[in-house]
Amino acid sequence: MLINLSNHPKDTWQKLQLETAKEIYGEVIDLPFPSVSASASVEEVIELSKVYSSKVVELLANDKKKGAVHIMGEFTFTYNFVLQMNKVGVETIVSTSERIVDFNEKGIKQSVFRFVAFRNFQTM
C-alpha cells in the first residue's frame, strides 16, 4: 500500500505516476496533508508529525506488503514526519518531475510538470 500524504489526490496524478505507484505498492490511498500554520512553533509541528505518523502506522497495520508513504508538503512537517517514519521502519518517498516551461502568445508563462520517478528519502 502507498499512502499519498500530499495536497495532490491520486485522482489528479498523471497516468504514469498512478500506474507506477500501483505496480510497486499495490493499492494507493489518499491521506490529505495537514494544514500547518505559518505561526506554529517547532514543538507544534513535531507533535502534528507524530499524530500523522500514528495514523500511517495504523493504516499500514494490516497491509500484507511493506507499505510506504508518498509525502510532499510543508518542509518542517515533512522533515519531522520522515524522521518519525524512519524510527518505525516505514519507507518515505517523493515524486520527481520535469518542469516544462512555455510562454503563450500573450507572454504568460505556463509550467507543466511531467512525472519521472519516485525517490526515497534517505536520512543519516
C-alpha atoms as a PDB file:
ATOM      1  CA  MET A   1       0.000   0.000   0.000  1.00  0.00           C
ATOM      2  CA  LEU A   2       1.136   3.529  -0.770  1.00  0.00           C
ATOM      3  CA  ILE A   3      -0.299   6.301   1.374  1.00  0.00           C
ATOM      4  CA  ASN A   4      -0.362   9.586  -0.507  1.00  0.00           C
ATOM      5  CA  LEU A   5       0.198  12.299   2.120  1.00  0.00           C
ATOM      6  CA  SER A   6       0.108  15.397  -0.059  1.00  0.00           C
ATOM      7  CA  ASN A   7      -2.179  18.123  -1.363  1.00  0.00           C
ATOM      8  CA  HIS A   8      -2.419  16.274  -4.683  1.00  0.00           C
ATOM      9  CA  PRO A   9      -5.002  13.459  -4.521  1.00  0.00           C
ATOM     10  CA  LYS A  10      -4.144  10.374  -6.543  1.00  0.00           C
ATOM     11  CA  ASP A  11      -7.061  11.139  -8.881  1.00  0.00           C
ATOM     12  CA  THR A  12      -5.125  14.203 -10.079  1.00  0.00           C
ATOM     13  CA  TRP A  13      -1.877  12.298 -10.750  1.00  0.00           C
ATOM     14  CA  GLN A  14      -0.672  11.681 -14.260  1.00  0.00           C
ATOM     15  CA  LYS A  15      -1.464   8.224 -15.590  1.00  0.00           C
ATOM     16  CA  LEU A  16       2.201   7.133 -15.495  1.00  0.00           C
ATOM     17  CA  GLN A  17       2.588   8.165 -11.842  1.00  0.00           C
ATOM     18  CA  LEU A  18      -0.500   6.258 -10.714  1.00  0.00           C
ATOM     19  CA  GLU A  19       0.402   3.173 -12.755  1.00  0.00           C
ATOM     20  CA  THR A  20       3.951   3.186 -11.369  1.00  0.00           C
ATOM     21  CA  ALA A  21       2.685   3.538  -7.799  1.00  0.00           C
ATOM     22  CA  LYS A  22       0.232   0.649  -8.225  1.00  0.00           C
ATOM     23  CA  GLU A  23       2.883  -1.541  -9.847  1.00  0.00           C
ATOM     24  CA  ILE A  24       5.305  -1.021  -6.964  1.00  0.00           C
ATOM     25  CA  TYR A  25       2.984  -0.704  -3.962  1.00  0.00           C
ATOM     26  CA  GLY A  26      -0.407  -2.081  -4.969  1.00  0.00           C
ATOM     27  CA  GLU A  27      -3.227  -0.025  -3.519  1.00  0.00           C
ATOM     28  CA  VAL A  28      -2.854   3.771  -3.319  1.00  0.00           C
ATOM     29  CA  ILE A  29      -4.872   5.705  -0.733  1.00  0.00           C
ATOM     30  CA  ASP A  30      -5.054   9.432  -0.020  1.00  0.00           C
ATOM     31  CA  LEU A  31      -4.389  10.946   3.384  1.00  0.00           C
ATOM     32  CA  PRO A  32      -4.815  14.713   2.970  1.00  0.00           C
ATOM     33  CA  PHE A  33      -1.798  16.777   4.028  1.00  0.00           C
ATOM     34  CA  PRO A  34      -2.484  18.719   7.226  1.00  0.00           C
ATOM     35  CA  SER A  35      -2.781  22.466   7.309  1.00  0.00           C
ATOM     36  CA  VAL A  36       0.400  23.682   9.002  1.00  0.00           C
ATOM     37  CA  SER A  37       0.102  27.226  10.327  1.00  0.00           C
ATOM     38  CA  ALA A  38       2.956  29.561   9.435  1.00  0.00           C
ATOM     39  CA  SER A  39       2.924  30.684  13.064  1.00  0.00           C
ATOM     40  CA  ALA A  40       3.112  27.154  14.507  1.00  0.00           C
ATOM     41  CA  SER A  41       6.021  26.510  16.854  1.00  0.00           C
ATOM     42  CA  VAL A  42       8.571  23.786  16.188  1.00  0.00           C
ATOM     43  CA  GLU A  43       7.041  21.802  19.037  1.00  0.00           C
ATOM     44  CA  GLU A  44       3.572  22.051  17.477  1.00  0.00           C
ATOM     45  CA  VAL A  45       4.897  20.856  14.116  1.00  0.00           C
ATOM     46  CA  ILE A  46       6.698  17.934  15.750  1.00  0.00           C
ATOM     47  CA  GLU A  47       3.523  16.969  17.629  1.00  0.00           C
ATOM     48  CA  LEU A  48       1.478  17.143  14.410  1.00  0.00           C
ATOM     49  CA  SER A  49       4.031  14.918  12.679  1.00  0.00           C
ATOM     50  CA  LYS A  50       3.660  12.389  15.499  1.00  0.00           C
ATOM     51  CA  VAL A  51      -0.140  12.423  15.133  1.00  0.00           C
ATOM     52  CA  TYR A  52       0.144  11.723  11.410  1.00  0.00           C
ATOM     53  CA  SER A  53       2.822   9.102  11.970  1.00  0.00           C
ATOM     54  CA  SER A  54       0.395   7.245  14.238  1.00  0.00           C
ATOM     55  CA  LYS A  55      -2.331   7.467  11.573  1.00  0.00           C
ATOM     56  CA  VAL A  56       0.027   5.979   8.981  1.00  0.00           C
ATOM     57  CA  VAL A  57       1.164   3.145  11.246  1.00  0.00           C
ATOM     58  CA  GLU A  58      -2.495   2.308  11.903  1.00  0.00           C
ATOM     59  CA  LEU A  59      -3.340   2.357   8.176  1.00  0.00           C
ATOM     60  CA  LEU A  60      -0.395   0.091   7.368  1.00  0.00           C
ATOM     61  CA  ALA A  61      -1.010  -2.337  10.244  1.00  0.00           C
ATOM     62  CA  ASN A  62      -2.944  -4.814   8.100  1.00  0.00           C
ATOM     63  CA  ASP A  63      -1.009  -4.297   4.876  1.00  0.00           C
ATOM     64  CA  LYS A  64       0.434  -7.565   3.602  1.00  0.00           C
ATOM     65  CA  LYS A  65       3.181  -5.857   1.621  1.00  0.00           C
ATOM     66  CA  LYS A  66       5.679  -3.407   3.042  1.00  0.00           C
ATOM     67  CA  GLY A  67       3.852  -0.088   2.890  1.00  0.00           C
ATOM     68  CA  ALA A  68       5.246   3.332   2.078  1.00  0.00           C
ATOM     69  CA  VAL A  69       4.254   6.979   2.260  1.00  0.00           C
ATOM     70  CA  HIS A  70       4.428   9.455  -0.614  1.00  0.00           C
ATOM     71  CA  ILE A  71       4.872  12.786   1.165  1.00  0.00           C
ATOM     72  CA  MET A  72       5.083  16.246  -0.311  1.00  0.00           C
ATOM     73  CA  GLY A  73       4.203  19.431   1.532  1.00  0.00           C
ATOM     74  CA  GLU A  74       5.321  21.962   4.122  1.00  0.00           C
ATOM     75  CA  PHE A  75       9.026  21.388   4.718  1.00  0.00           C
ATOM     76  CA  THR A  76       9.340  21.296   8.508  1.00  0.00           C
ATOM     77  CA  PHE A  77       6.378  18.946   8.866  1.00  0.00           C
ATOM     78  CA  THR A  78       7.730  16.731   6.087  1.00  0.00           C
ATOM     79  CA  TYR A  79      11.181  16.608   7.689  1.00  0.00           C
ATOM     80  CA  ASN A  80       9.813  15.664  11.108  1.00  0.00           C
ATOM     81  CA  PHE A  81       7.337  13.173   9.632  1.00  0.00           C
ATOM     82  CA  VAL A  82      10.122  11.418   7.701  1.00  0.00           C
ATOM     83  CA  LEU A  83      12.166  11.190  10.912  1.00  0.00           C
ATOM     84  CA  GLN A  84       9.162   9.602  12.669  1.00  0.00           C
ATOM     85  CA  MET A  85       8.673   7.105   9.830  1.00  0.00           C
ATOM     86  CA  ASN A  86      12.370   6.175   9.888  1.00  0.00           C
ATOM     87  CA  LYS A  87      12.048   5.318  13.588  1.00  0.00           C
ATOM     88  CA  VAL A  88       9.350   2.739  12.822  1.00  0.00           C
ATOM     89  CA  GLY A  89      10.823   1.475   9.558  1.00  0.00           C
ATOM     90  CA  VAL A  90       8.255   2.872   7.104  1.00  0.00           C
ATOM     91  CA  GLU A  91       9.607   3.893   3.702  1.00  0.00           C
ATOM     92  CA  THR A  92       9.005   7.506   2.640  1.00  0.00           C
ATOM     93  CA  ILE A  93       9.148   8.693  -0.956  1.00  0.00           C
ATOM     94  CA  VAL A  94       8.637  11.772  -3.119  1.00  0.00           C
ATOM     95  CA  SER A  95       7.682  12.009  -6.760  1.00  0.00           C
ATOM     96  CA  THR A  96      10.168  13.600  -9.139  1.00  0.00           C
ATOM     97  CA  SER A  97       9.136  15.506 -12.224  1.00  0.00           C
ATOM     98  CA  GLU A  98      10.495  17.560 -15.084  1.00  0.00           C
ATOM     99  CA  ARG A  99       9.234  21.111 -15.403  1.00  0.00           C
ATOM    100  CA  ILE A 100       8.363  22.081 -18.956  1.00  0.00           C
ATOM    101  CA  VAL A 101       8.130  25.882 -19.253  1.00  0.00           C
ATOM    102  CA  ASP A 102       6.458  27.624 -22.153  1.00  0.00           C
ATOM    103  CA  PHE A 103       5.226  31.127 -22.862  1.00  0.00           C
ATOM    104  CA  ASN A 104       1.890  31.553 -24.629  1.00  0.00           C
ATOM    105  CA  GLU A 105       1.178  34.141 -27.328  1.00  0.00           C
ATOM    106  CA  LYS A 106       0.415  36.751 -24.634  1.00  0.00           C
ATOM    107  CA  GLY A 107       3.775  36.159 -22.964  1.00  0.00           C
ATOM    108  CA  ILE A 108       2.257  34.387 -19.972  1.00  0.00           C
ATOM    109  CA  LYS A 109       4.481  31.702 -18.501  1.00  0.00           C
ATOM    110  CA  GLN A 110       2.961  28.247 -18.266  1.00  0.00           C
ATOM    111  CA  SER A 111       4.612  25.354 -16.439  1.00  0.00           C
ATOM    112  CA  VAL A 112       3.738  21.700 -16.902  1.00  0.00           C
ATOM    113  CA  PHE A 113       5.195  19.018 -14.666  1.00  0.00           C
ATOM    114  CA  ARG A 114       5.829  15.553 -16.076  1.00  0.00           C
ATOM    115  CA  PHE A 115       6.247  12.671 -13.642  1.00  0.00           C
ATOM    116  CA  VAL A 116       9.587  10.859 -13.910  1.00  0.00           C
ATOM    117  CA  ALA A 117      10.011   8.556 -10.907  1.00  0.00           C
ATOM    118  CA  PHE A 118       9.651   8.053  -7.184  1.00  0.00           C
ATOM    119  CA  ARG A 119      12.680   8.811  -4.994  1.00  0.00           C
ATOM    120  CA  ASN A 120      13.253   7.535  -1.463  1.00  0.00           C
ATOM    121  CA  PHE A 121      14.036   9.862   1.405  1.00  0.00           C
ATOM    122  CA  GLN A 122      17.359   8.971   2.949  1.00  0.00           C
ATOM    123  CA  THR A 123      18.500  10.292   6.302  1.00  0.00           C
ATOM    124  CA  MET A 124      21.730   9.798   8.141  1.00  0.00           C
END
